C-alpha atoms as a PDB file:
ATOM      1  CA  UNK A   1      46.900  84.577 -10.162  1.00  0.00           C
ATOM      2  CA  UNK A   2      43.688  84.448  -8.228  1.00  0.00           C
ATOM      3  CA  UNK A   3      44.233  85.032  -4.434  1.00  0.00           C
ATOM      4  CA  UNK A   4      40.897  85.517  -3.382  1.00  0.00           C
ATOM      5  CA  UNK A   5      40.015  82.802  -0.535  1.00  0.00           C
ATOM      6  CA  UNK A   6      37.646  79.495  -0.565  1.00  0.00           C
ATOM      7  CA  UNK A   7      35.621  79.585   2.231  1.00  0.00           C
ATOM      8  CA  UNK A   8      32.873  77.141   3.222  1.00  0.00           C
ATOM      9  CA  UNK A   9      29.729  78.971   5.226  1.00  0.00           C
ATOM     10  CA  UNK A  10      27.508  76.693   7.321  1.00  0.00           C
ATOM     11  CA  UNK A  11      24.297  78.398   8.081  1.00  0.00           C
ATOM     12  CA  UNK A  12      22.614  77.007  11.390  1.00  0.00           C
ATOM     13  CA  UNK A  13      19.259  77.771  12.559  1.00  0.00           C
ATOM     14  CA  UNK A  14      18.086  76.428  15.555  1.00  0.00           C
ATOM     15  CA  UNK A  15      14.126  76.607  14.735  1.00  0.00           C
ATOM     16  CA  UNK A  16      13.040  73.566  12.559  1.00  0.00           C
ATOM     17  CA  UNK A  17       9.652  72.239  11.920  1.00  0.00           C
ATOM     18  CA  UNK A  18      10.636  68.621  12.175  1.00  0.00           C
ATOM     19  CA  UNK A  19      13.283  68.980  14.671  1.00  0.00           C
ATOM     20  CA  UNK A  20      13.774  71.753  16.871  1.00  0.00           C
ATOM     21  CA  UNK A  21      17.459  72.992  18.042  1.00  0.00           C
ATOM     22  CA  UNK A  22      18.884  69.687  15.505  1.00  0.00           C
ATOM     23  CA  UNK A  23      22.334  71.773  15.252  1.00  0.00           C
ATOM     24  CA  UNK A  24      23.130  71.409  19.092  1.00  0.00           C
ATOM     25  CA  UNK A  25      21.906  67.772  19.391  1.00  0.00           C
ATOM     26  CA  UNK A  26      24.979  65.875  21.071  1.00  0.00           C
ATOM     27  CA  UNK A  27      26.343  62.500  19.621  1.00  0.00           C
ATOM     28  CA  UNK A  28      29.725  61.181  21.043  1.00  0.00           C
ATOM     29  CA  UNK A  29      29.530  64.364  23.009  1.00  0.00           C
ATOM     30  CA  UNK A  30      29.785  66.481  19.873  1.00  0.00           C
ATOM     31  CA  UNK A  31      26.966  68.679  18.575  1.00  0.00           C
ATOM     32  CA  UNK A  32      25.526  67.725  15.091  1.00  0.00           C
ATOM     33  CA  UNK A  33      26.959  71.383  13.975  1.00  0.00           C
ATOM     34  CA  UNK A  34      30.969  70.673  15.531  1.00  0.00           C
ATOM     35  CA  UNK A  35      30.718  67.601  13.225  1.00  0.00           C
ATOM     36  CA  UNK A  36      29.980  69.430  10.399  1.00  0.00           C
ATOM     37  CA  UNK A  37      32.506  72.009  10.951  1.00  0.00           C
ATOM     38  CA  UNK A  38      35.101  69.496  11.717  1.00  0.00           C
ATOM     39  CA  UNK A  39      34.661  67.928   8.155  1.00  0.00           C
ATOM     40  CA  UNK A  40      34.565  70.916   7.011  1.00  0.00           C
ATOM     41  CA  UNK A  41      37.864  72.048   8.480  1.00  0.00           C
ATOM     42  CA  UNK A  42      39.567  68.931   7.085  1.00  0.00           C
ATOM     43  CA  UNK A  43      38.488  69.455   3.345  1.00  0.00           C
ATOM     44  CA  UNK A  44      41.765  70.635   0.874  1.00  0.00           C
ATOM     45  CA  UNK A  45      41.442  73.759  -1.376  1.00  0.00           C
ATOM     46  CA  UNK A  46      39.273  75.670   2.319  1.00  0.00           C
ATOM     47  CA  UNK A  47      40.774  78.657   3.737  1.00  0.00           C
ATOM     48  CA  UNK A  48      38.360  79.020   5.871  1.00  0.00           C
ATOM     49  CA  UNK A  49      35.051  77.773   7.571  1.00  0.00           C
ATOM     50  CA  UNK A  50      32.522  80.201   8.486  1.00  0.00           C
ATOM     51  CA  UNK A  51      29.409  79.234  10.728  1.00  0.00           C
ATOM     52  CA  UNK A  52      26.155  81.235  10.155  1.00  0.00           C
ATOM     53  CA  UNK A  53      23.624  81.664  12.843  1.00  0.00           C
ATOM     54  CA  UNK A  54      20.875  83.802  14.407  1.00  0.00           C
ATOM     55  CA  UNK A  55      20.700  82.352  17.214  1.00  0.00           C
ATOM     56  CA  UNK A  56      22.570  82.939  20.525  1.00  0.00           C
ATOM     57  CA  UNK A  57      23.058  79.458  22.006  1.00  0.00           C
ATOM     58  CA  UNK A  58      23.911  77.969  18.324  1.00  0.00           C
ATOM     59  CA  UNK A  59      26.528  81.315  18.448  1.00  0.00           C
ATOM     60  CA  UNK A  60      28.151  80.355  21.863  1.00  0.00           C
ATOM     61  CA  UNK A  61      28.270  76.686  21.182  1.00  0.00           C
ATOM     62  CA  UNK A  62      30.256  77.080  17.871  1.00  0.00           C
ATOM     63  CA  UNK A  63      32.898  79.686  20.248  1.00  0.00           C
ATOM     64  CA  UNK A  64      33.006  77.025  22.537  1.00  0.00           C
ATOM     65  CA  UNK A  65      34.283  74.229  20.273  1.00  0.00           C
ATOM     66  CA  UNK A  66      36.360  76.630  18.551  1.00  0.00           C
ATOM     67  CA  UNK A  67      34.991  77.872  15.497  1.00  0.00           C
ATOM     68  CA  UNK A  68      34.348  80.833  13.497  1.00  0.00           C
ATOM     69  CA  UNK A  69      31.148  82.143  13.776  1.00  0.00           C
ATOM     70  CA  UNK A  70      28.944  84.809  12.733  1.00  0.00           C
ATOM     71  CA  UNK A  71      25.340  86.126  14.402  1.00  0.00           C
ATOM     72  CA  UNK A  72      23.385  87.235  11.149  1.00  0.00           C
ATOM     73  CA  UNK A  73      19.859  88.551  10.880  1.00  0.00           C
ATOM     74  CA  UNK A  74      16.577  86.815  11.853  1.00  0.00           C
ATOM     75  CA  UNK A  75      14.934  87.715   8.961  1.00  0.00           C
ATOM     76  CA  UNK A  76      16.355  85.696   6.081  1.00  0.00           C
ATOM     77  CA  UNK A  77      14.111  83.525   3.971  1.00  0.00           C
ATOM     78  CA  UNK A  78      16.722  81.272   3.156  1.00  0.00           C
ATOM     79  CA  UNK A  79      20.355  79.609   3.600  1.00  0.00           C
ATOM     80  CA  UNK A  80      22.044  81.696   0.651  1.00  0.00           C
ATOM     81  CA  UNK A  81      20.989  85.166   1.882  1.00  0.00           C
ATOM     82  CA  UNK A  82      21.908  84.364   5.208  1.00  0.00           C
ATOM     83  CA  UNK A  83      25.820  82.941   3.614  1.00  0.00           C
ATOM     84  CA  UNK A  84      25.724  86.490   1.535  1.00  0.00           C
ATOM     85  CA  UNK A  85      25.113  88.383   4.595  1.00  0.00           C
ATOM     86  CA  UNK A  86      28.402  86.928   6.126  1.00  0.00           C
ATOM     87  CA  UNK A  87      30.215  86.742   2.298  1.00  0.00           C
ATOM     88  CA  UNK A  88      29.797  90.669   2.111  1.00  0.00           C
ATOM     89  CA  UNK A  89      31.426  91.478   5.423  1.00  0.00           C
ATOM     90  CA  UNK A  90      34.517  90.050   3.698  1.00  0.00           C
ATOM     91  CA  UNK A  91      35.916  91.108   0.622  1.00  0.00           C
ATOM     92  CA  UNK A  92      38.945  88.883   0.500  1.00  0.00           C
ATOM     93  CA  UNK A  93      36.487  85.740   0.237  1.00  0.00           C
ATOM     94  CA  UNK A  94      36.230  84.733  -3.478  1.00  0.00           C
ATOM     95  CA  UNK A  95      34.371  81.229  -3.703  1.00  0.00           C
ATOM     96  CA  UNK A  96      31.878  80.323  -1.078  1.00  0.00           C
ATOM     97  CA  UNK A  97      30.474  76.851  -0.395  1.00  0.00           C
ATOM     98  CA  UNK A  98      26.814  76.628   1.375  1.00  0.00           C
ATOM     99  CA  UNK A  99      27.206  73.527   3.334  1.00  0.00           C
ATOM    100  CA  UNK A 100      24.297  72.645   5.462  1.00  0.00           C
ATOM    101  CA  UNK A 101      25.136  72.354   8.767  1.00  0.00           C
ATOM    102  CA  UNK A 102      22.333  69.058   9.144  1.00  0.00           C
ATOM    103  CA  UNK A 103      24.644  67.092   7.300  1.00  0.00           C
ATOM    104  CA  UNK A 104      27.522  65.219   9.079  1.00  0.00           C
ATOM    105  CA  UNK A 105      28.443  62.179   6.749  1.00  0.00           C
ATOM    106  CA  UNK A 106      28.873  63.937   3.980  1.00  0.00           C
ATOM    107  CA  UNK A 107      32.167  63.094   2.251  1.00  0.00           C
ATOM    108  CA  UNK A 108      34.965  65.552   2.286  1.00  0.00           C
ATOM    109  CA  UNK A 109      35.351  64.733  -1.673  1.00  0.00           C
ATOM    110  CA  UNK A 110      31.981  65.941  -2.648  1.00  0.00           C
ATOM    111  CA  UNK A 111      33.039  69.175  -1.191  1.00  0.00           C
ATOM    112  CA  UNK A 112      36.181  69.393  -3.093  1.00  0.00           C
ATOM    113  CA  UNK A 113      34.108  68.684  -6.346  1.00  0.00           C
ATOM    114  CA  UNK A 114      31.646  71.371  -5.817  1.00  0.00           C
ATOM    115  CA  UNK A 115      34.746  73.739  -4.884  1.00  0.00           C
ATOM    116  CA  UNK A 116      36.331  72.464  -7.809  1.00  0.00           C
ATOM    117  CA  UNK A 117      33.257  72.963 -10.227  1.00  0.00           C
ATOM    118  CA  UNK A 118      32.951  77.021  -9.162  1.00  0.00           C
ATOM    119  CA  UNK A 119      36.583  77.721  -8.532  1.00  0.00           C
ATOM    120  CA  UNK A 120      38.179  76.349 -11.824  1.00  0.00           C
ATOM    121  CA  UNK A 121      35.506  76.663 -14.538  1.00  0.00           C
ATOM    122  CA  UNK A 122      35.275  81.064 -16.091  1.00  0.00           C
ATOM    123  CA  UNK A 123      31.747  79.723 -16.841  1.00  0.00           C
ATOM    124  CA  UNK A 124      30.686  78.994 -13.684  1.00  0.00           C
ATOM    125  CA  UNK A 125      28.882  80.571 -11.393  1.00  0.00           C
ATOM    126  CA  UNK A 126      27.525  78.372  -9.348  1.00  0.00           C
ATOM    127  CA  UNK A 127      28.153  74.964  -8.775  1.00  0.00           C
ATOM    128  CA  UNK A 128      26.509  71.540  -7.223  1.00  0.00           C
ATOM    129  CA  UNK A 129      25.925  67.552  -6.999  1.00  0.00           C
ATOM    130  CA  UNK A 130      23.596  65.430  -8.420  1.00  0.00           C
ATOM    131  CA  UNK A 131      23.645  61.506  -8.216  1.00  0.00           C
ATOM    132  CA  UNK A 132      21.641  59.070 -10.209  1.00  0.00           C
ATOM    133  CA  UNK A 133      18.184  57.723  -9.604  1.00  0.00           C
ATOM    134  CA  UNK A 134      17.233  53.851 -10.290  1.00  0.00           C
ATOM    135  CA  UNK A 135      14.586  53.649  -7.988  1.00  0.00           C
ATOM    136  CA  UNK A 136      11.240  54.487  -9.550  1.00  0.00           C
ATOM    137  CA  UNK A 137       9.671  56.093  -6.423  1.00  0.00           C
ATOM    138  CA  UNK A 138      12.593  58.180  -5.774  1.00  0.00           C
ATOM    139  CA  UNK A 139      12.082  59.506  -9.415  1.00  0.00           C
ATOM    140  CA  UNK A 140       8.135  60.207  -8.694  1.00  0.00           C
ATOM    141  CA  UNK A 141       9.212  61.925  -5.184  1.00  0.00           C
ATOM    142  CA  UNK A 142       8.186  65.404  -5.381  1.00  0.00           C
ATOM    143  CA  UNK A 143      10.731  66.190  -2.743  1.00  0.00           C
ATOM    144  CA  UNK A 144      13.594  64.850  -4.114  1.00  0.00           C
ATOM    145  CA  UNK A 145      14.654  67.249  -6.548  1.00  0.00           C
ATOM    146  CA  UNK A 146      15.747  66.459 -10.110  1.00  0.00           C
ATOM    147  CA  UNK A 147      18.067  67.578 -12.613  1.00  0.00           C
ATOM    148  CA  UNK A 148      18.576  68.275 -16.318  1.00  0.00           C
ATOM    149  CA  UNK A 149      21.849  68.984 -17.601  1.00  0.00           C
ATOM    150  CA  UNK A 150      23.883  69.192 -20.708  1.00  0.00           C
ATOM    151  CA  UNK A 151      26.663  67.792 -22.565  1.00  0.00           C
ATOM    152  CA  UNK A 152      29.033  70.235 -20.687  1.00  0.00           C
ATOM    153  CA  UNK A 153      27.715  69.053 -17.120  1.00  0.00           C
ATOM    154  CA  UNK A 154      25.487  72.755 -16.909  1.00  0.00           C
ATOM    155  CA  UNK A 155      22.178  72.753 -15.499  1.00  0.00           C
ATOM    156  CA  UNK A 156      19.127  72.630 -17.454  1.00  0.00           C
ATOM    157  CA  UNK A 157      16.606  72.708 -15.695  1.00  0.00           C
ATOM    158  CA  UNK A 158      15.386  71.243 -11.984  1.00  0.00           C
ATOM    159  CA  UNK A 159      12.076  70.456 -11.378  1.00  0.00           C
ATOM    160  CA  UNK A 160      10.079  68.156  -7.955  1.00  0.00           C
ATOM    161  CA  UNK A 161       8.696  66.653 -11.047  1.00  0.00           C
ATOM    162  CA  UNK A 162      10.014  63.656 -13.212  1.00  0.00           C
ATOM    163  CA  UNK A 163      12.078  64.841 -15.958  1.00  0.00           C
ATOM    164  CA  UNK A 164      12.956  64.323 -18.247  1.00  0.00           C
ATOM    165  CA  UNK A 165       9.570  62.996 -19.183  1.00  0.00           C
ATOM    166  CA  UNK A 166       9.449  59.481 -20.599  1.00  0.00           C
ATOM    167  CA  UNK A 167       8.070  59.653 -23.926  1.00  0.00           C
ATOM    168  CA  UNK A 168      10.269  57.001 -24.834  1.00  0.00           C
ATOM    169  CA  UNK A 169      11.309  54.433 -22.119  1.00  0.00           C
ATOM    170  CA  UNK A 170      15.007  53.782 -21.174  1.00  0.00           C
ATOM    171  CA  UNK A 171      16.200  56.619 -23.247  1.00  0.00           C
ATOM    172  CA  UNK A 172      17.139  58.629 -20.381  1.00  0.00           C
ATOM    173  CA  UNK A 173      19.058  58.321 -17.030  1.00  0.00           C
ATOM    174  CA  UNK A 174      17.585  60.560 -14.224  1.00  0.00           C
ATOM    175  CA  UNK A 175      19.677  62.647 -11.383  1.00  0.00           C
ATOM    176  CA  UNK A 176      18.682  63.687  -8.094  1.00  0.00           C
ATOM    177  CA  UNK A 177      20.021  66.887  -6.517  1.00  0.00           C
ATOM    178  CA  UNK A 178      21.933  66.833  -3.852  1.00  0.00           C
ATOM    179  CA  UNK A 179      21.968  70.374  -1.762  1.00  0.00           C
ATOM    180  CA  UNK A 180      25.008  71.740  -1.758  1.00  0.00           C
ATOM    181  CA  UNK A 181      25.950  74.392  -3.587  1.00  0.00           C
ATOM    182  CA  UNK A 182      29.266  76.506  -4.522  1.00  0.00           C
ATOM    183  CA  UNK A 183      29.083  79.905  -5.845  1.00  0.00           C
ATOM    184  CA  UNK A 184      31.527  82.664  -6.912  1.00  0.00           C
ATOM    185  CA  UNK A 185      30.984  85.717  -4.672  1.00  0.00           C
ATOM    186  CA  UNK A 186      29.703  87.954  -7.163  1.00  0.00           C
ATOM    187  CA  UNK A 187      26.614  85.231  -8.520  1.00  0.00           C
ATOM    188  CA  UNK A 188      25.797  85.275  -4.858  1.00  0.00           C
ATOM    189  CA  UNK A 189      25.453  88.498  -4.474  1.00  0.00           C
ATOM    190  CA  UNK A 190      23.603  88.568  -7.808  1.00  0.00           C
ATOM    191  CA  UNK A 191      21.486  85.847  -7.211  1.00  0.00           C
ATOM    192  CA  UNK A 192      20.228  86.951  -3.483  1.00  0.00           C
ATOM    193  CA  UNK A 193      19.605  90.630  -5.087  1.00  0.00           C
ATOM    194  CA  UNK A 194      17.595  89.227  -7.958  1.00  0.00           C
ATOM    195  CA  UNK A 195      13.788  89.260  -6.873  1.00  0.00           C
ATOM    196  CA  UNK A 196      11.699  86.110  -6.920  1.00  0.00           C
ATOM    197  CA  UNK A 197      11.333  84.589 -10.389  1.00  0.00           C
ATOM    198  CA  UNK A 198       8.483  82.802 -11.667  1.00  0.00           C
ATOM    199  CA  UNK A 199       9.970  78.953 -12.057  1.00  0.00           C
ATOM    200  CA  UNK A 200      11.524  79.376  -8.726  1.00  0.00           C
ATOM    201  CA  UNK A 201       7.983  80.349  -7.259  1.00  0.00           C
ATOM    202  CA  UNK A 202       5.993  77.790  -8.949  1.00  0.00           C
ATOM    203  CA  UNK A 203       8.322  75.228  -7.750  1.00  0.00           C
ATOM    204  CA  UNK A 204       9.792  76.585  -4.430  1.00  0.00           C
ATOM    205  CA  UNK A 205      13.331  76.584  -5.732  1.00  0.00           C
ATOM    206  CA  UNK A 206      15.869  78.944  -5.270  1.00  0.00           C
ATOM    207  CA  UNK A 207      18.579  78.191  -7.950  1.00  0.00           C
ATOM    208  CA  UNK A 208      15.488  78.532 -10.620  1.00  0.00           C
ATOM    209  CA  UNK A 209      15.892  81.978  -9.587  1.00  0.00           C
ATOM    210  CA  UNK A 210      19.540  81.669 -11.445  1.00  0.00           C
ATOM    211  CA  UNK A 211      18.785  79.352 -14.294  1.00  0.00           C
ATOM    212  CA  UNK A 212      16.002  82.004 -15.237  1.00  0.00           C
ATOM    213  CA  UNK A 213      18.315  85.000 -15.088  1.00  0.00           C
ATOM    214  CA  UNK A 214      20.891  83.061 -17.432  1.00  0.00           C
ATOM    215  CA  UNK A 215      23.429  82.147 -14.752  1.00  0.00           C
ATOM    216  CA  UNK A 216      25.588  78.838 -15.155  1.00  0.00           C
ATOM    217  CA  UNK A 217      25.002  76.264 -12.579  1.00  0.00           C
ATOM    218  CA  UNK A 218      27.910  73.270 -12.959  1.00  0.00           C
ATOM    219  CA  UNK A 219      27.018  69.852 -12.152  1.00  0.00           C
ATOM    220  CA  UNK A 220      29.250  67.319 -10.848  1.00  0.00           C
ATOM    221  CA  UNK A 221      27.881  63.385 -10.517  1.00  0.00           C
ATOM    222  CA  UNK A 222      28.499  61.505  -7.495  1.00  0.00           C
ATOM    223  CA  UNK A 223      28.045  58.120  -6.372  1.00  0.00           C
ATOM    224  CA  UNK A 224      26.950  58.505  -2.954  1.00  0.00           C
ATOM    225  CA  UNK A 225      24.387  59.662  -1.014  1.00  0.00           C
ATOM    226  CA  UNK A 226      24.896  61.910   2.045  1.00  0.00           C
ATOM    227  CA  UNK A 227      22.265  61.361   4.628  1.00  0.00           C
ATOM    228  CA  UNK A 228      20.963  64.600   6.090  1.00  0.00           C
ATOM    229  CA  UNK A 229      19.471  64.756   9.746  1.00  0.00           C
ATOM    230  CA  UNK A 230      15.873  66.037   9.371  1.00  0.00           C
ATOM    231  CA  UNK A 231      14.066  64.419  12.057  1.00  0.00           C
ATOM    232  CA  UNK A 232      14.530  62.478  15.480  1.00  0.00           C
ATOM    233  CA  UNK A 233      14.809  58.997  13.917  1.00  0.00           C
ATOM    234  CA  UNK A 234      17.182  60.069  11.697  1.00  0.00           C
ATOM    235  CA  UNK A 235      19.659  61.482  13.825  1.00  0.00           C
ATOM    236  CA  UNK A 236      18.889  58.582  15.968  1.00  0.00           C
ATOM    237  CA  UNK A 237      20.367  56.605  13.357  1.00  0.00           C
ATOM    238  CA  UNK A 238      23.400  58.384  13.249  1.00  0.00           C
ATOM    239  CA  UNK A 239      24.296  58.879  17.012  1.00  0.00           C
ATOM    240  CA  UNK A 240      24.159  54.802  16.639  1.00  0.00           C
ATOM    241  CA  UNK A 241      26.342  55.364  13.793  1.00  0.00           C
ATOM    242  CA  UNK A 242      29.054  57.026  15.510  1.00  0.00           C
ATOM    243  CA  UNK A 243      28.798  55.840  19.316  1.00  0.00           C
ATOM    244  CA  UNK A 244      28.618  52.061  17.940  1.00  0.00           C
END
């Protein structure tokens, strides 16, 4: 029986080009990072939640509300590198969920789907979520990453372009990617040790490194779309929602 722990690791940076210091912005007296941490802590199938940060202000704030938090290098180029640094210190952790620290509205059911996708599928190295896109503007928006997957729900490709290309209109649905990942620990270590792959560099999509190296990404389809906090306007909407 597999007795490895399942951990949610939340990467949190202070610097952000669009909203600096957003993990510490407060709504109802709680910083955003605490909202995300509380949601993660309440999720079934999770043994522990760790916040990974390179900033002492975030570290101290997380300690204050009782979180398990670890300092990481300031040199990391991606969230997966940051969570891999933490995971390498904990051989007891076998399954890692990379939950973004700016998505306080994500549903626990979605997190559970990601856990199940990587924990209970022997073939899956990584798991993630997609949702159907019905708006043409979204389909053509390069900021919304699209995904195509096979009949067994394993990802075939991710792209900023509209995929599939419609030679024959109405023959296929379109799916947008949601940025939450589950990893088997060994898959996370492998991916972060590999060199950047050509498709990854072309599209600026890290998950293509895994696909181009033959790793399998399990995809689950969800209905709802969690809204991340990227701008001051996003934060004001969230604050109004929770404070009334």
